[in-house]
């Protein structure tokens, strides 16, 4: 996946890490809760 993304995006735009999850945290209206993703990433970085 990373190779394909590197071919199609500029170097500063492609993600350095890709993590697969079963579900993303969403609001009742269906929008992704990005702040929750940031919080989860911070907690994982501390561990």
PDB file of N, CA and C in Angstrom:
ATOM      1  N   UNK A   1       0.835  -1.189   0.000  1.00  0.00           N
ATOM      2  CA  UNK A   1       0.000   0.000   0.000  1.00  0.00           C
ATOM      3  C   UNK A   1       0.874   1.244   0.000  1.00  0.00           C
ATOM      4  N   UNK A   2       1.913   1.257   0.840  1.00  0.00           N
ATOM      5  CA  UNK A   2       2.756   2.449   0.923  1.00  0.00           C
ATOM      6  C   UNK A   2       3.423   2.749  -0.414  1.00  0.00           C
ATOM      7  N   UNK A   3       3.850   1.732  -1.134  1.00  0.00           N
ATOM      8  CA  UNK A   3       4.470   1.949  -2.439  1.00  0.00           C
ATOM      9  C   UNK A   3       3.513   2.593  -3.417  1.00  0.00           C
ATOM     10  N   UNK A   4       2.282   2.132  -3.437  1.00  0.00           N
ATOM     11  CA  UNK A   4       1.271   2.699  -4.326  1.00  0.00           C
ATOM     12  C   UNK A   4       0.983   4.154  -3.972  1.00  0.00           C
ATOM     13  N   UNK A   5       0.874   4.430  -2.688  1.00  0.00           N
ATOM     14  CA  UNK A   5       0.603   5.798  -2.243  1.00  0.00           C
ATOM     15  C   UNK A   5       1.771   6.707  -2.597  1.00  0.00           C
ATOM     16  N   UNK A   6       2.996   6.235  -2.421  1.00  0.00           N
ATOM     17  CA  UNK A   6       4.177   7.050  -2.746  1.00  0.00           C
ATOM     18  C   UNK A   6       4.211   7.418  -4.221  1.00  0.00           C
ATOM     19  N   UNK A   7       3.758   6.500  -5.079  1.00  0.00           N
ATOM     20  CA  UNK A   7       3.741   6.772  -6.518  1.00  0.00           C
ATOM     21  C   UNK A   7       2.744   7.865  -6.872  1.00  0.00           C
ATOM     22  N   UNK A   8       1.658   7.953  -6.138  1.00  0.00           N
ATOM     23  CA  UNK A   8       0.569   8.859  -6.499  1.00  0.00           C
ATOM     24  C   UNK A   8       0.551  10.175  -5.730  1.00  0.00           C
ATOM     25  N   UNK A   9       1.310  10.274  -4.647  1.00  0.00           N
ATOM     26  CA  UNK A   9       1.305  11.487  -3.832  1.00  0.00           C
ATOM     27  C   UNK A   9       2.724  12.017  -3.687  1.00  0.00           C
ATOM     28  N   UNK A  10       2.828  13.303  -3.412  1.00  0.00           N
ATOM     29  CA  UNK A  10       4.150  13.877  -3.175  1.00  0.00           C
ATOM     30  C   UNK A  10       4.675  13.397  -1.819  1.00  0.00           C
ATOM     31  N   UNK A  11       5.979  13.494  -1.644  1.00  0.00           N
ATOM     32  CA  UNK A  11       6.635  12.931  -0.461  1.00  0.00           C
ATOM     33  C   UNK A  11       6.108  13.501   0.848  1.00  0.00           C
ATOM     34  N   UNK A  12       5.766  14.767   0.879  1.00  0.00           N
ATOM     35  CA  UNK A  12       5.299  15.357   2.136  1.00  0.00           C
ATOM     36  C   UNK A  12       3.852  14.990   2.454  1.00  0.00           C
ATOM     37  N   UNK A  13       3.117  14.443   1.488  1.00  0.00           N
ATOM     38  CA  UNK A  13       1.688  14.192   1.679  1.00  0.00           C
ATOM     39  C   UNK A  13       1.353  12.756   2.088  1.00  0.00           C
ATOM     40  N   UNK A  14       2.205  11.792   1.775  1.00  0.00           N
ATOM     41  CA  UNK A  14       1.814  10.415   2.082  1.00  0.00           C
ATOM     42  C   UNK A  14       2.089  10.073   3.542  1.00  0.00           C
ATOM     43  N   UNK A  15       1.279   9.194   4.104  1.00  0.00           N
ATOM     44  CA  UNK A  15       1.437   8.840   5.523  1.00  0.00           C
ATOM     45  C   UNK A  15       2.679   7.990   5.753  1.00  0.00           C
ATOM     46  N   UNK A  16       3.351   8.215   6.857  1.00  0.00           N
ATOM     47  CA  UNK A  16       4.541   7.436   7.201  1.00  0.00           C
ATOM     48  C   UNK A  16       4.153   6.074   7.769  1.00  0.00           C
ATOM     49  N   UNK A  17       3.015   6.016   8.422  1.00  0.00           N
ATOM     50  CA  UNK A  17       2.522   4.761   8.994  1.00  0.00           C
ATOM     51  C   UNK A  17       1.066   4.571   8.591  1.00  0.00           C
ATOM     52  N   UNK A  18       0.690   3.322   8.390  1.00  0.00           N
ATOM     53  CA  UNK A  18      -0.698   2.983   8.089  1.00  0.00           C
ATOM     54  C   UNK A  18      -1.132   1.948   9.116  1.00  0.00           C
ATOM     55  N   UNK A  19      -2.248   2.209   9.764  1.00  0.00           N
ATOM     56  CA  UNK A  19      -2.764   1.290  10.776  1.00  0.00           C
ATOM     57  C   UNK A  19      -4.185   0.895  10.389  1.00  0.00           C
ATOM     58  N   UNK A  20      -4.452  -0.394  10.363  1.00  0.00           N
ATOM     59  CA  UNK A  20      -5.778  -0.890  10.041  1.00  0.00           C
ATOM     60  C   UNK A  20      -6.563  -1.100  11.334  1.00  0.00           C
ATOM     61  N   UNK A  21      -7.781  -0.592  11.376  1.00  0.00           N
ATOM     62  CA  UNK A  21      -8.645  -0.741  12.540  1.00  0.00           C
ATOM     63  C   UNK A  21      -9.996  -1.273  12.082  1.00  0.00           C
ATOM     64  N   UNK A  22     -10.715  -1.883  13.009  1.00  0.00           N
ATOM     65  CA  UNK A  22     -12.029  -2.436  12.677  1.00  0.00           C
ATOM     66  C   UNK A  22     -13.072  -1.345  12.469  1.00  0.00           C
ATOM     67  N   UNK A  23     -12.989  -0.280  13.262  1.00  0.00           N
ATOM     68  CA  UNK A  23     -13.979   0.799  13.165  1.00  0.00           C
ATOM     69  C   UNK A  23     -13.346   2.108  13.606  1.00  0.00           C
ATOM     70  N   UNK A  24     -13.841   3.200  13.055  1.00  0.00           N
ATOM     71  CA  UNK A  24     -13.388   4.533  13.439  1.00  0.00           C
ATOM     72  C   UNK A  24     -14.418   5.154  14.369  1.00  0.00           C
ATOM     73  N   UNK A  25     -13.977   5.954  15.343  1.00  0.00           N
ATOM     74  CA  UNK A  25     -14.946   6.620  16.228  1.00  0.00           C
ATOM     75  C   UNK A  25     -15.735   7.660  15.435  1.00  0.00           C
ATOM     76  N   UNK A  26     -17.054   7.595  15.541  1.00  0.00           N
ATOM     77  CA  UNK A  26     -17.912   8.501  14.771  1.00  0.00           C
ATOM     78  C   UNK A  26     -18.918   9.200  15.670  1.00  0.00           C
ATOM     79  N   UNK A  27     -19.366  10.352  15.202  1.00  0.00           N
ATOM     80  CA  UNK A  27     -20.423  11.093  15.883  1.00  0.00           C
ATOM     81  C   UNK A  27     -21.759  10.459  15.519  1.00  0.00           C
ATOM     82  N   UNK A  28     -22.833  10.830  16.199  1.00  0.00           N
ATOM     83  CA  UNK A  28     -24.152  10.299  15.835  1.00  0.00           C
ATOM     84  C   UNK A  28     -24.548  10.609  14.386  1.00  0.00           C
ATOM     85  N   UNK A  29     -23.994  11.690  13.823  1.00  0.00           N
ATOM     86  CA  UNK A  29     -24.323  12.036  12.435  1.00  0.00           C
ATOM     87  C   UNK A  29     -23.414  11.323  11.435  1.00  0.00           C
ATOM     88  N   UNK A  30     -22.451  10.528  11.923  1.00  0.00           N
ATOM     89  CA  UNK A  30     -21.615   9.725  11.044  1.00  0.00           C
ATOM     90  C   UNK A  30     -20.265  10.320  10.692  1.00  0.00           C
ATOM     91  N   UNK A  31     -19.933  11.474  11.237  1.00  0.00           N
ATOM     92  CA  UNK A  31     -18.631  12.083  10.957  1.00  0.00           C
ATOM     93  C   UNK A  31     -17.558  11.432  11.828  1.00  0.00           C
ATOM     94  N   UNK A  32     -16.352  11.318  11.285  1.00  0.00           N
ATOM     95  CA  UNK A  32     -15.247  10.724  12.036  1.00  0.00           C
ATOM     96  C   UNK A  32     -14.778  11.701  13.104  1.00  0.00           C
ATOM     97  N   UNK A  33     -14.617  11.197  14.320  1.00  0.00           N
ATOM     98  CA  UNK A  33     -14.155  12.019  15.441  1.00  0.00           C
ATOM     99  C   UNK A  33     -12.629  12.042  15.425  1.00  0.00           C
ATOM    100  N   UNK A  34     -12.068  13.002  14.720  1.00  0.00           N
ATOM    101  CA  UNK A  34     -10.616  13.083  14.562  1.00  0.00           C
ATOM    102  C   UNK A  34      -9.909  13.322  15.890  1.00  0.00           C
ATOM    103  N   UNK A  35     -10.545  14.079  16.783  1.00  0.00           N
ATOM    104  CA  UNK A  35      -9.910  14.332  18.081  1.00  0.00           C
ATOM    105  C   UNK A  35      -9.741  13.032  18.862  1.00  0.00           C
ATOM    106  N   UNK A  36     -10.661  12.099  18.693  1.00  0.00           N
ATOM    107  CA  UNK A  36     -10.534  10.808  19.370  1.00  0.00           C
ATOM    108  C   UNK A  36      -9.366  10.008  18.782  1.00  0.00           C
ATOM    109  N   UNK A  37      -9.168  10.107  17.467  1.00  0.00           N
ATOM    110  CA  UNK A  37      -8.042   9.424  16.837  1.00  0.00           C
ATOM    111  C   UNK A  37      -6.720   9.996  17.339  1.00  0.00           C
ATOM    112  N   UNK A  38      -6.652  11.325  17.463  1.00  0.00           N
ATOM    113  CA  UNK A  38      -5.440  11.959  17.985  1.00  0.00           C
ATOM    114  C   UNK A  38      -5.185  11.517  19.424  1.00  0.00           C
ATOM    115  N   UNK A  39      -6.260  11.455  20.221  1.00  0.00           N
ATOM    116  CA  UNK A  39      -6.132  11.046  21.622  1.00  0.00           C
ATOM    117  C   UNK A  39      -5.616   9.605  21.709  1.00  0.00           C
ATOM    118  N   UNK A  40      -6.158   8.718  20.876  1.00  0.00           N
ATOM    119  CA  UNK A  40      -5.707   7.326  20.869  1.00  0.00           C
ATOM    120  C   UNK A  40      -4.237   7.234  20.470  1.00  0.00           C
ATOM    121  N   UNK A  41      -3.829   8.025  19.482  1.00  0.00           N
ATOM    122  CA  UNK A  41      -2.434   8.011  19.033  1.00  0.00           C
ATOM    123  C   UNK A  41      -1.507   8.510  20.136  1.00  0.00           C
ATOM    124  N   UNK A  42      -1.923   9.543  20.853  1.00  0.00           N
ATOM    125  CA  UNK A  42      -1.112  10.061  21.959  1.00  0.00           C
ATOM    126  C   UNK A  42      -0.952   9.011  23.053  1.00  0.00           C
ATOM    127  N   UNK A  43      -2.042   8.300  23.370  1.00  0.00           N
ATOM    128  CA  UNK A  43      -1.989   7.269  24.407  1.00  0.00           C
ATOM    129  C   UNK A  43      -1.078   6.119  23.992  1.00  0.00           C
ATOM    130  N   UNK A  44      -1.122   5.741  22.714  1.00  0.00           N
ATOM    131  CA  UNK A  44      -0.258   4.669  22.227  1.00  0.00           C
ATOM    132  C   UNK A  44       1.202   5.095  22.245  1.00  0.00           C
ATOM    133  N   UNK A  45       1.461   6.367  21.962  1.00  0.00           N
ATOM    134  CA  UNK A  45       2.838   6.873  21.957  1.00  0.00           C
ATOM    135  C   UNK A  45       3.430   6.868  23.363  1.00  0.00           C
ATOM    136  N   UNK A  46       2.594   7.087  24.365  1.00  0.00           N
ATOM    137  CA  UNK A  46       3.058   7.085  25.754  1.00  0.00           C
ATOM    138  C   UNK A  46       3.438   5.683  26.207  1.00  0.00           C
ATOM    139  N   UNK A  47       2.777   4.667  25.647  1.00  0.00           N
ATOM    140  CA  UNK A  47       3.023   3.280  26.072  1.00  0.00           C
ATOM    141  C   UNK A  47       4.297   2.717  25.499  1.00  0.00           C
TER     142      UNK A  47
END
